Amino acid sequence: MSSVLNFYRHEELRALQPRPFKVFTERNLDRIPALERLSEERRFEMKVVSSVLPFRVNEYIIEELIDWDQVPDDPLYQLTFPQRDMLSPDAFERMADLHRREAPREQIAALARQLREELNPHPAGQVAMNRPELHGEPLDGLQHKYRETVLFFPSQGQTCHAYCTFCFRWPQFVGDKDLRIASTQADRLQAYLASQPQVSDLLLTGGDPMVMKTKHLLQYLEPLMEPRFEHVQNIRIGTKALTFWPQRFVSDADADELLQLLERLVRAGKHVALMAHYNHWREMDTPMAREAIRRLRNTGAEIRSQGPLLAHINDDPGVWARMWQTQVRLGVVPYYMFVERDTGARRYFEVPLARAWEIYRGAMTRVSGLGRTARGPSMSAGPGKVEIQGVTEIHGEKVFVLRFIQGRNPDWVQRPFFARYDEQATWLDQLRPAFGEQRFFFEDEYAAMQARAAATD
């Protein structure tokens, strides 16, 4: 082997060595060495915003993902570090005033709680409307929005290796128990699944279930290999660990044990899919990230990629095309392009639906058929997942063509419907029916569902 090849092989092996997990939060933001190159004003703005929206980043992201020569425009920096405009001008100034006056933490926390309530912490009715019951008792930490799929929020997975600045589940991370969705009861999850023969899919989500030790994952997943759960064919695990801490699958102390668990599930006849959150092609550029993908695929598990379209990060068809091309090459299946949820810092990240469709279409024209498995742009709204299929003109009226990919009523799925074209609209509730109709076809039934949920809450 030549000396050049020896050098690159050595560097690759060095990059795969274990490293300690070192994390920074709002409390020690000023201890991040890389931030010393930023102005005092920008560091102050970070401190203000991180008092309201959760902040957590680890050393791997700081040292290996962010290009500090491109800050503040670097997309991975925007993805993980708070920016002033993530809060409204009024909210920012109110919190900034407390910091300038060095107000007590109790005052800062009280204002933070007030401001968070103004950020729509539970979009799409994700608590009352989705929470199932067992023997007449509500099940905390479970959601059953769609007939075939149950979501489970294990309490040990209610954090992440780092927090995305856009995250629609930000209320999970701010320390307010009233805003969290979580369960510690594996037996209640299993009892509910056993009572629901129509359920084919279990989705572990959070937070990030991959922050859990494998011994905790075992208690939730191992029983699903029993005959009574034969109907639960698909086990999905939502995670950002493949990009924010790929060491979880490579060099962590129980990484091998985790992979063995996934392999056992596959051998037991389960379809295991990691629903990996990707926002930019650079997240797959490190040797550790690619080794994590390789090791996971060797278990027989599948990796599907999904992520939202975000201003300041990936609102460019070239970025999405390159990301999907890279994923196909690495054996990751492109799955969803989402529209940014109507919660948290949406004002900073949201992209008008018309532009979102143009970006999606532009990216699709640049990839082969293997990359065109990604659906979107899709809104995970209250009634279901609504996809923008295009913009067209019918009888002289310019319209959005929409359809349900998933619906609270399965009969809504795949039914095309039309909304008046609106260049500024960013979410389903801002759209109006086309052709003089007063309501979309699903609205009356959905309103009745909401009323029933409110009556039983």
Protein backbone atom coordinates (compact mmCIF):
# COMPACT_ATOMS: atom_id res chain seq x y z
CA MET A 1 0.00 0.00 0.00
CA SER A 2 1.38 3.44 -0.93
CA SER A 3 2.28 5.98 1.73
CA VAL A 4 -0.60 8.21 0.56
CA LEU A 5 -3.12 5.41 0.97
CA ASN A 6 -1.58 4.52 4.33
CA PHE A 7 -2.03 8.11 5.47
CA TYR A 8 -5.71 8.27 4.48
CA ARG A 9 -6.42 4.87 6.03
CA HIS A 10 -4.76 5.99 9.26
CA GLU A 11 -6.81 9.20 9.31
CA GLU A 12 -10.04 7.24 8.70
CA LEU A 13 -9.29 4.79 11.52
CA ARG A 14 -8.41 7.67 13.83
CA ALA A 15 -11.77 9.29 13.05
CA LEU A 16 -13.56 6.11 14.13
CA GLN A 17 -11.95 5.94 17.56
CA PRO A 18 -14.20 6.37 20.63
CA ARG A 19 -14.53 9.89 21.95
CA PRO A 20 -16.16 11.13 25.16
CA PHE A 21 -19.63 12.57 24.82
CA LYS A 22 -19.30 16.22 25.82
CA VAL A 23 -22.41 18.36 25.68
CA PHE A 24 -23.07 22.10 26.04
CA THR A 25 -26.38 23.67 27.04
CA GLU A 26 -27.72 27.14 27.77
CA ARG A 27 -26.03 27.05 31.18
CA ASN A 28 -22.49 26.66 29.78
CA LEU A 29 -22.87 28.28 26.38
CA ASP A 30 -19.97 30.61 27.16
CA ARG A 31 -17.61 27.64 27.55
CA ILE A 32 -17.70 26.69 23.86
CA PRO A 33 -14.25 27.72 22.55
CA ALA A 34 -15.44 28.15 18.95
CA LEU A 35 -17.84 30.91 19.97
CA GLU A 36 -14.93 33.15 20.96
CA ARG A 37 -14.61 34.14 17.29
CA LEU A 38 -18.15 35.59 17.34
CA SER A 39 -19.05 39.09 18.45
CA GLU A 40 -20.19 39.77 22.01
CA GLU A 41 -23.54 40.92 20.63
CA ARG A 42 -24.15 37.64 18.80
CA ARG A 43 -23.22 35.62 21.88
CA PHE A 44 -25.65 37.70 23.94
CA GLU A 45 -28.42 37.02 21.39
CA MET A 46 -27.75 33.30 21.72
CA LYS A 47 -28.07 33.55 25.48
CA VAL A 48 -31.41 35.36 25.18
CA VAL A 49 -32.95 32.94 22.68
CA SER A 50 -31.70 29.85 24.52
CA SER A 51 -33.56 31.08 27.61
CA VAL A 52 -36.81 30.37 25.73
CA LEU A 53 -36.06 27.67 23.16
CA PRO A 54 -34.03 24.61 24.18
CA PHE A 55 -30.34 24.53 23.29
CA ARG A 56 -28.04 21.53 23.41
CA VAL A 57 -25.05 20.74 21.23
CA ASN A 58 -22.19 18.28 21.47
CA GLU A 59 -18.51 18.47 20.68
CA TYR A 60 -18.77 16.21 17.61
CA ILE A 61 -21.09 18.71 15.91
CA ILE A 62 -18.92 21.68 16.89
CA GLU A 63 -15.67 20.11 15.72
CA GLU A 64 -16.70 17.96 12.75
CA LEU A 65 -19.94 19.25 11.23
CA ILE A 66 -19.86 23.05 11.45
CA ASP A 67 -17.64 25.05 9.10
CA TRP A 68 -16.77 27.93 11.40
CA ASP A 69 -15.28 29.93 8.52
CA GLN A 70 -18.82 30.13 7.08
CA VAL A 71 -20.60 31.13 10.30
CA PRO A 72 -23.26 32.55 10.65
CA ASP A 73 -24.39 31.24 7.25
CA ASP A 74 -23.18 27.68 7.75
CA PRO A 75 -26.29 25.42 7.61
CA LEU A 76 -25.14 23.11 10.44
CA TYR A 77 -24.52 26.14 12.64
CA GLN A 78 -28.03 27.40 11.86
CA LEU A 79 -29.36 23.92 12.62
CA THR A 80 -27.93 23.80 16.14
CA PHE A 81 -27.20 27.31 17.46
CA PRO A 82 -29.92 29.83 18.43
CA GLN A 83 -30.39 32.97 16.31
CA ARG A 84 -32.03 36.24 17.31
CA ASP A 85 -34.85 36.05 14.75
CA MET A 86 -36.04 32.70 16.08
CA LEU A 87 -38.08 34.83 18.51
CA SER A 88 -40.42 37.66 17.56
CA PRO A 89 -38.90 41.14 18.06
CA ASP A 90 -41.17 41.77 21.04
CA ALA A 91 -40.39 38.42 22.71
CA PHE A 92 -36.67 38.89 22.16
CA GLU A 93 -36.63 42.39 23.67
CA ARG A 94 -38.63 41.34 26.72
CA MET A 95 -36.22 38.51 27.47
CA ALA A 96 -33.16 40.56 26.55
CA ASP A 97 -34.21 43.25 29.02
CA LEU A 98 -34.19 40.71 31.86
CA HIS A 99 -30.71 39.55 30.92
CA ARG A 100 -29.38 43.10 30.63
CA ARG A 101 -30.70 43.80 34.13
CA GLU A 102 -29.25 40.49 35.37
CA ALA A 103 -32.67 39.53 36.65
CA PRO A 104 -33.01 36.47 38.93
CA ARG A 105 -33.31 33.09 37.16
CA GLU A 106 -36.84 32.78 38.58
CA GLN A 107 -37.94 35.86 36.62
CA ILE A 108 -36.27 34.62 33.45
CA ALA A 109 -37.91 31.20 33.84
CA ALA A 110 -41.33 32.76 34.41
CA LEU A 111 -41.12 34.89 31.27
CA ALA A 112 -39.80 31.91 29.31
CA ARG A 113 -42.86 29.86 30.28
CA GLN A 114 -45.14 32.69 29.17
CA LEU A 115 -43.38 33.09 25.83
CA ARG A 116 -43.41 29.35 25.17
CA GLU A 117 -47.18 29.24 25.54
CA GLU A 118 -47.37 31.72 22.66
CA LEU A 119 -45.41 29.37 20.38
CA ASN A 120 -48.14 26.73 19.87
CA PRO A 121 -46.33 24.03 21.90
CA HIS A 122 -48.72 21.23 20.88
CA PRO A 123 -49.49 21.55 17.16
CA ALA A 124 -51.95 19.30 15.34
CA GLY A 125 -53.82 18.34 18.52
CA GLN A 126 -51.00 15.95 19.33
CA VAL A 127 -52.08 15.34 22.94
CA ALA A 128 -55.84 15.11 23.50
CA MET A 129 -56.78 13.96 20.00
CA ASN A 130 -54.07 11.32 19.69
CA ARG A 131 -53.92 9.78 23.18
CA PRO A 132 -55.47 6.29 23.28
CA GLU A 133 -57.15 4.55 26.20
CA LEU A 134 -56.81 1.10 27.73
CA HIS A 135 -59.77 -0.17 29.77
CA GLY A 136 -61.12 3.37 29.87
CA GLU A 137 -57.89 4.93 31.17
CA PRO A 138 -55.82 7.36 29.05
CA LEU A 139 -52.35 6.11 28.18
CA ASP A 140 -49.70 8.75 28.68
CA GLY A 141 -46.75 8.52 26.33
CA LEU A 142 -48.72 6.91 23.49
CA GLN A 143 -50.30 8.45 20.41
CA HIS A 144 -52.59 6.64 17.99
CA LYS A 145 -53.42 9.13 15.24
CA TYR A 146 -53.48 6.71 12.30
CA ARG A 147 -55.14 3.30 12.30
CA GLU A 148 -52.07 1.18 11.57
CA THR A 149 -49.47 3.10 13.55
CA VAL A 150 -48.87 3.66 17.27
CA LEU A 151 -46.30 6.19 18.48
CA PHE A 152 -44.56 5.54 21.79
CA PHE A 153 -42.51 8.06 23.76
CA PRO A 154 -40.25 6.16 26.20
CA SER A 155 -39.34 8.37 29.14
CA GLN A 156 -35.65 7.44 28.90
CA GLY A 157 -35.61 8.83 25.35
CA GLN A 158 -36.94 12.30 26.12
CA THR A 159 -33.79 14.13 25.16
CA CYS A 160 -31.42 14.11 22.18
CA HIS A 161 -27.68 14.09 21.60
CA ALA A 162 -28.26 17.69 20.44
CA TYR A 163 -31.32 19.81 19.71
CA CYS A 164 -32.34 21.05 16.29
CA THR A 165 -33.27 24.73 16.36
CA PHE A 166 -36.41 24.04 14.30
CA CYS A 167 -37.65 21.04 16.30
CA PHE A 168 -41.43 20.76 16.54
CA ARG A 169 -41.00 18.65 19.69
CA TRP A 170 -39.12 21.40 21.50
CA PRO A 171 -41.61 21.28 24.46
CA GLN A 172 -40.15 17.88 25.36
CA PHE A 173 -36.85 19.56 26.25
CA VAL A 174 -37.70 22.67 28.27
CA GLY A 175 -38.21 20.97 31.64
CA ASP A 176 -41.97 21.61 31.85
CA LYS A 177 -43.71 18.37 32.77
CA ASP A 178 -47.06 19.74 31.60
CA LEU A 179 -45.70 19.98 28.06
CA ARG A 180 -43.98 16.59 27.92
CA ILE A 181 -45.28 13.38 26.41
CA ALA A 182 -43.62 10.32 27.91
CA SER A 183 -44.19 6.89 29.47
CA THR A 184 -42.10 4.53 31.55
CA GLN A 185 -44.55 1.65 31.33
CA ALA A 186 -43.51 -0.98 28.84
CA ASP A 187 -46.24 -3.31 30.10
CA ARG A 188 -48.99 -0.80 29.25
CA LEU A 189 -47.55 -0.31 25.77
CA GLN A 190 -47.54 -4.06 25.24
CA ALA A 191 -51.07 -4.47 26.63
CA TYR A 192 -52.34 -1.79 24.27
CA LEU A 193 -50.60 -3.29 21.23
CA ALA A 194 -51.98 -6.73 22.08
CA SER A 195 -55.50 -5.23 22.12
CA GLN A 196 -55.12 -3.58 18.69
CA PRO A 197 -54.83 -6.27 15.97
CA GLN A 198 -55.12 -3.62 13.23
CA VAL A 199 -51.83 -2.02 14.32
CA SER A 200 -48.95 -3.10 12.09
CA ASP A 201 -46.42 -0.38 12.98
CA LEU A 202 -44.86 0.76 16.23
CA LEU A 203 -42.85 3.99 16.08
CA LEU A 204 -40.53 4.74 18.99
CA THR A 205 -39.97 8.46 19.10
CA GLY A 206 -39.20 11.23 21.56
CA GLY A 207 -36.84 13.09 21.95
CA ASP A 208 -34.62 10.45 20.50
CA PRO A 209 -34.91 6.80 21.59
CA MET A 210 -31.28 6.30 20.61
CA VAL A 211 -30.07 8.28 23.62
CA MET A 212 -31.28 5.28 25.66
CA LYS A 213 -28.96 2.53 26.77
CA THR A 214 -29.60 -0.72 24.94
CA LYS A 215 -30.73 -2.38 28.17
CA HIS A 216 -33.67 0.06 28.27
CA LEU A 217 -34.53 -0.43 24.60
CA LEU A 218 -34.63 -4.18 25.26
CA GLN A 219 -37.56 -3.90 27.67
CA TYR A 220 -39.67 -2.21 25.00
CA LEU A 221 -38.61 -4.14 21.90
CA GLU A 222 -37.67 -7.67 22.96
CA PRO A 223 -41.24 -8.72 23.92
CA LEU A 224 -42.43 -7.81 20.41
CA MET A 225 -40.82 -11.02 19.14
CA GLU A 226 -43.46 -13.03 21.04
CA PRO A 227 -46.25 -14.68 18.99
CA ARG A 228 -48.95 -12.41 20.49
CA PHE A 229 -47.37 -9.48 18.65
CA GLU A 230 -47.24 -11.13 15.24
CA HIS A 231 -49.51 -8.37 13.89
CA VAL A 232 -46.88 -5.74 14.79
CA GLN A 233 -44.76 -6.29 11.71
CA ASN A 234 -42.88 -3.00 11.47
CA ILE A 235 -40.75 -1.40 14.16
CA ARG A 236 -39.68 2.13 13.44
CA ILE A 237 -37.25 4.18 15.51
CA GLY A 238 -37.11 7.92 14.93
CA THR A 239 -33.60 9.25 15.45
CA LYS A 240 -31.16 12.04 14.71
CA ALA A 241 -28.27 10.03 16.18
CA LEU A 242 -26.96 9.03 12.75
CA THR A 243 -25.85 12.63 12.25
CA PHE A 244 -25.62 14.18 15.72
CA TRP A 245 -23.90 11.22 17.45
CA PRO A 246 -23.12 8.38 15.00
CA GLN A 247 -20.83 6.95 17.67
CA ARG A 248 -24.01 5.44 19.11
CA PHE A 249 -23.78 2.75 16.42
CA VAL A 250 -20.00 2.48 16.18
CA SER A 251 -17.95 3.12 19.29
CA ASP A 252 -20.31 3.60 22.26
CA ALA A 253 -19.89 1.00 24.98
CA ASP A 254 -23.12 -0.83 24.06
CA ALA A 255 -23.10 -0.14 20.30
CA ASP A 256 -22.54 -3.82 19.46
CA GLU A 257 -25.29 -4.86 21.85
CA LEU A 258 -27.67 -2.41 20.13
CA LEU A 259 -26.89 -3.77 16.68
CA GLN A 260 -27.37 -7.33 17.93
CA LEU A 261 -30.83 -6.39 19.21
CA LEU A 262 -31.81 -4.95 15.83
CA GLU A 263 -30.46 -8.04 14.06
CA ARG A 264 -32.48 -10.33 16.34
CA LEU A 265 -35.65 -8.38 15.55
CA VAL A 266 -34.98 -8.73 11.84
CA ARG A 267 -34.33 -12.47 12.19
CA ALA A 268 -37.61 -12.78 14.11
CA GLY A 269 -39.41 -11.53 11.01
CA LYS A 270 -39.80 -7.86 11.92
CA HIS A 271 -39.17 -5.07 9.47
CA VAL A 272 -36.91 -2.68 11.40
CA ALA A 273 -36.57 0.84 10.05
CA LEU A 274 -34.58 3.71 11.46
CA MET A 275 -36.44 6.87 10.53
CA ALA A 276 -33.33 9.00 10.28
CA HIS A 277 -33.63 12.78 10.41
CA TYR A 278 -31.40 14.41 7.80
CA ASN A 279 -31.36 18.10 6.96
CA HIS A 280 -28.25 18.52 4.82
CA TRP A 281 -25.89 16.31 2.80
CA ARG A 282 -22.93 17.43 4.94
CA GLU A 283 -24.33 15.43 7.87
CA MET A 284 -23.24 12.28 6.01
CA ASP A 285 -19.76 13.49 5.13
CA THR A 286 -17.78 12.24 8.13
CA PRO A 287 -16.20 8.75 8.32
CA MET A 288 -18.09 8.11 11.58
CA ALA A 289 -21.47 8.91 10.01
CA ARG A 290 -20.81 6.60 7.06
CA GLU A 291 -19.55 3.80 9.27
CA ALA A 292 -22.73 4.09 11.36
CA ILE A 293 -24.84 3.67 8.22
CA ARG A 294 -22.77 0.69 7.09
CA ARG A 295 -23.03 -1.11 10.44
CA LEU A 296 -26.76 -0.53 10.71
CA ARG A 297 -27.44 -1.84 7.22
CA ASN A 298 -25.44 -4.97 8.02
CA THR A 299 -28.04 -5.86 10.68
CA GLY A 300 -30.77 -6.10 8.03
CA ALA A 301 -32.43 -2.95 9.32
CA GLU A 302 -33.44 -0.29 6.82
CA ILE A 303 -32.69 3.41 7.07
CA ARG A 304 -35.28 5.87 5.74
CA SER A 305 -34.55 9.57 5.65
CA GLN A 306 -36.88 12.43 6.41
CA GLY A 307 -36.59 16.07 7.32
CA PRO A 308 -38.27 19.44 6.93
CA LEU A 309 -37.63 22.10 4.33
CA LEU A 310 -36.04 25.00 6.23
CA ALA A 311 -35.08 28.56 5.37
CA HIS A 312 -31.42 29.26 6.23
CA ILE A 313 -30.55 25.54 6.07
CA ASN A 314 -31.79 23.68 2.99
CA ASP A 315 -34.24 25.84 1.00
CA ASP A 316 -32.43 25.04 -2.24
CA PRO A 317 -33.27 22.24 -4.70
CA GLY A 318 -29.56 21.56 -5.19
CA VAL A 319 -29.08 20.79 -1.50
CA TRP A 320 -31.97 18.31 -1.49
CA ALA A 321 -30.87 16.68 -4.74
CA ARG A 322 -27.34 16.18 -3.46
CA MET A 323 -28.65 14.88 -0.13
CA TRP A 324 -30.92 12.32 -1.80
CA GLN A 325 -28.20 11.27 -4.24
CA THR A 326 -25.78 10.75 -1.36
CA GLN A 327 -28.34 8.76 0.60
CA VAL A 328 -29.10 6.45 -2.33
CA ARG A 329 -25.37 5.84 -2.77
CA LEU A 330 -25.03 4.94 0.92
CA GLY A 331 -28.11 2.70 0.94
CA VAL A 332 -30.46 5.12 2.74
CA VAL A 333 -34.01 5.38 1.35
CA PRO A 334 -35.32 8.95 0.81
CA TYR A 335 -38.74 9.02 2.48
CA TYR A 336 -40.20 12.48 3.23
CA MET A 337 -39.68 16.17 2.69
CA PHE A 338 -41.80 17.88 5.35
CA VAL A 339 -43.07 21.42 5.64
CA GLU A 340 -41.83 23.10 8.84
CA ARG A 341 -44.41 22.60 11.62
CA ASP A 342 -46.51 25.51 12.89
CA THR A 343 -44.78 25.70 16.26
CA GLY A 344 -41.67 27.03 17.99
CA ALA A 345 -39.33 29.03 15.76
CA ARG A 346 -41.45 28.55 12.65
CA ARG A 347 -41.29 32.27 11.78
CA TYR A 348 -37.55 31.88 11.16
CA PHE A 349 -37.63 28.63 9.21
CA GLU A 350 -40.94 28.50 7.33
CA VAL A 351 -41.01 28.52 3.54
CA PRO A 352 -44.20 29.41 1.60
CA LEU A 353 -45.94 26.32 0.24
CA ALA A 354 -45.63 27.53 -3.35
CA ARG A 355 -41.88 27.85 -2.97
CA ALA A 356 -41.69 24.52 -1.12
CA TRP A 357 -43.29 22.76 -4.07
CA GLU A 358 -40.89 24.47 -6.49
CA ILE A 359 -37.89 23.32 -4.43
CA TYR A 360 -39.23 19.76 -4.22
CA ARG A 361 -39.94 19.62 -7.95
CA GLY A 362 -36.55 21.13 -8.77
CA ALA A 363 -34.77 18.53 -6.63
CA MET A 364 -36.79 15.68 -8.15
CA THR A 365 -35.75 16.68 -11.66
CA ARG A 366 -32.10 16.20 -10.65
CA VAL A 367 -32.23 12.68 -9.19
CA SER A 368 -32.83 9.23 -10.65
CA GLY A 369 -35.89 7.13 -9.91
CA LEU A 370 -34.21 5.67 -6.81
CA GLY A 371 -34.14 9.14 -5.27
CA ARG A 372 -37.75 9.87 -6.14
CA THR A 373 -39.08 7.73 -3.31
CA ALA A 374 -39.18 10.90 -1.16
CA ARG A 375 -42.72 12.19 -0.80
CA GLY A 376 -43.57 15.80 -0.25
CA PRO A 377 -43.72 18.58 0.48
CA SER A 378 -45.95 17.19 3.23
CA MET A 379 -47.65 18.95 6.15
CA SER A 380 -48.20 16.87 9.30
CA ALA A 381 -51.34 18.80 10.19
CA GLY A 382 -54.22 17.99 12.53
CA PRO A 383 -56.34 16.07 9.99
CA GLY A 384 -53.35 14.10 8.68
CA LYS A 385 -50.33 14.28 6.39
CA VAL A 386 -51.28 16.49 3.45
CA GLU A 387 -49.02 16.51 0.40
CA ILE A 388 -48.73 19.35 -2.09
CA GLN A 389 -48.83 17.56 -5.44
CA GLY A 390 -48.50 20.62 -7.59
CA VAL A 391 -49.80 23.95 -8.84
CA THR A 392 -52.07 24.10 -11.87
CA GLU A 393 -54.89 26.07 -13.46
CA ILE A 394 -58.42 24.66 -13.73
CA HIS A 395 -61.25 26.61 -15.42
CA GLY A 396 -59.17 29.74 -15.22
CA GLU A 397 -58.42 29.44 -11.48
CA LYS A 398 -54.88 28.85 -10.21
CA VAL A 399 -54.92 26.16 -7.52
CA PHE A 400 -52.83 23.92 -5.29
CA VAL A 401 -53.42 20.22 -5.92
CA LEU A 402 -53.41 18.41 -2.56
CA ARG A 403 -53.94 14.90 -1.22
CA PHE A 404 -53.79 13.03 2.08
CA ILE A 405 -50.88 10.63 2.46
CA GLN A 406 -52.26 9.74 5.90
CA GLY A 407 -55.58 10.74 7.43
CA ARG A 408 -57.41 10.46 10.73
CA ASN A 409 -60.08 8.80 8.63
CA PRO A 410 -58.38 6.31 6.28
CA ASP A 411 -61.06 7.06 3.67
CA TRP A 412 -59.51 10.50 3.17
CA VAL A 413 -56.23 9.00 1.95
CA GLN A 414 -55.29 9.54 -1.73
CA ARG A 415 -58.35 11.73 -2.43
CA PRO A 416 -57.22 14.78 -4.43
CA PHE A 417 -58.61 18.15 -3.41
CA PHE A 418 -57.91 21.73 -4.39
CA ALA A 419 -57.05 24.97 -2.62
CA ARG A 420 -56.91 28.48 -3.99
CA TYR A 421 -53.36 29.41 -4.91
CA ASP A 422 -51.80 31.60 -2.22
CA GLU A 423 -48.21 32.69 -2.72
CA GLN A 424 -47.77 33.56 0.98
CA ALA A 425 -49.46 30.57 2.70
CA THR A 426 -47.15 28.39 4.78
CA TRP A 427 -49.59 25.92 6.40
CA LEU A 428 -52.83 24.07 5.75
CA ASP A 429 -54.96 26.34 7.95
CA GLN A 430 -53.99 29.32 5.77
CA LEU A 431 -55.42 27.70 2.62
CA ARG A 432 -58.99 28.16 1.37
CA PRO A 433 -61.00 25.79 -0.86
CA ALA A 434 -60.96 26.46 -4.59
CA PHE A 435 -63.90 26.89 -6.97
CA GLY A 436 -66.11 28.80 -4.52
CA GLU A 437 -66.43 25.92 -2.05
CA GLN A 438 -66.90 26.93 1.58
CA ARG A 439 -65.07 24.03 3.23
CA PHE A 440 -62.66 21.26 2.33
CA PHE A 441 -64.28 17.83 2.09
CA PHE A 442 -62.85 16.62 5.42
CA GLU A 443 -63.45 19.69 7.58
CA ASP A 444 -66.86 18.86 9.06
CA GLU A 445 -65.82 15.35 10.05
CA TYR A 446 -62.55 16.62 11.52
CA ALA A 447 -64.38 19.27 13.54
CA ALA A 448 -66.60 16.55 14.98
CA MET A 449 -63.50 14.53 15.93
CA GLN A 450 -62.08 17.59 17.71
CA ALA A 451 -65.31 18.14 19.60
CA ARG A 452 -65.37 14.53 20.80
CA ALA A 453 -61.75 14.74 21.96
CA ALA A 454 -62.44 17.98 23.83
CA ALA A 455 -65.46 16.43 25.53
CA THR A 456 -63.43 13.48 26.85
CA ASP A 457 -60.24 15.35 27.77
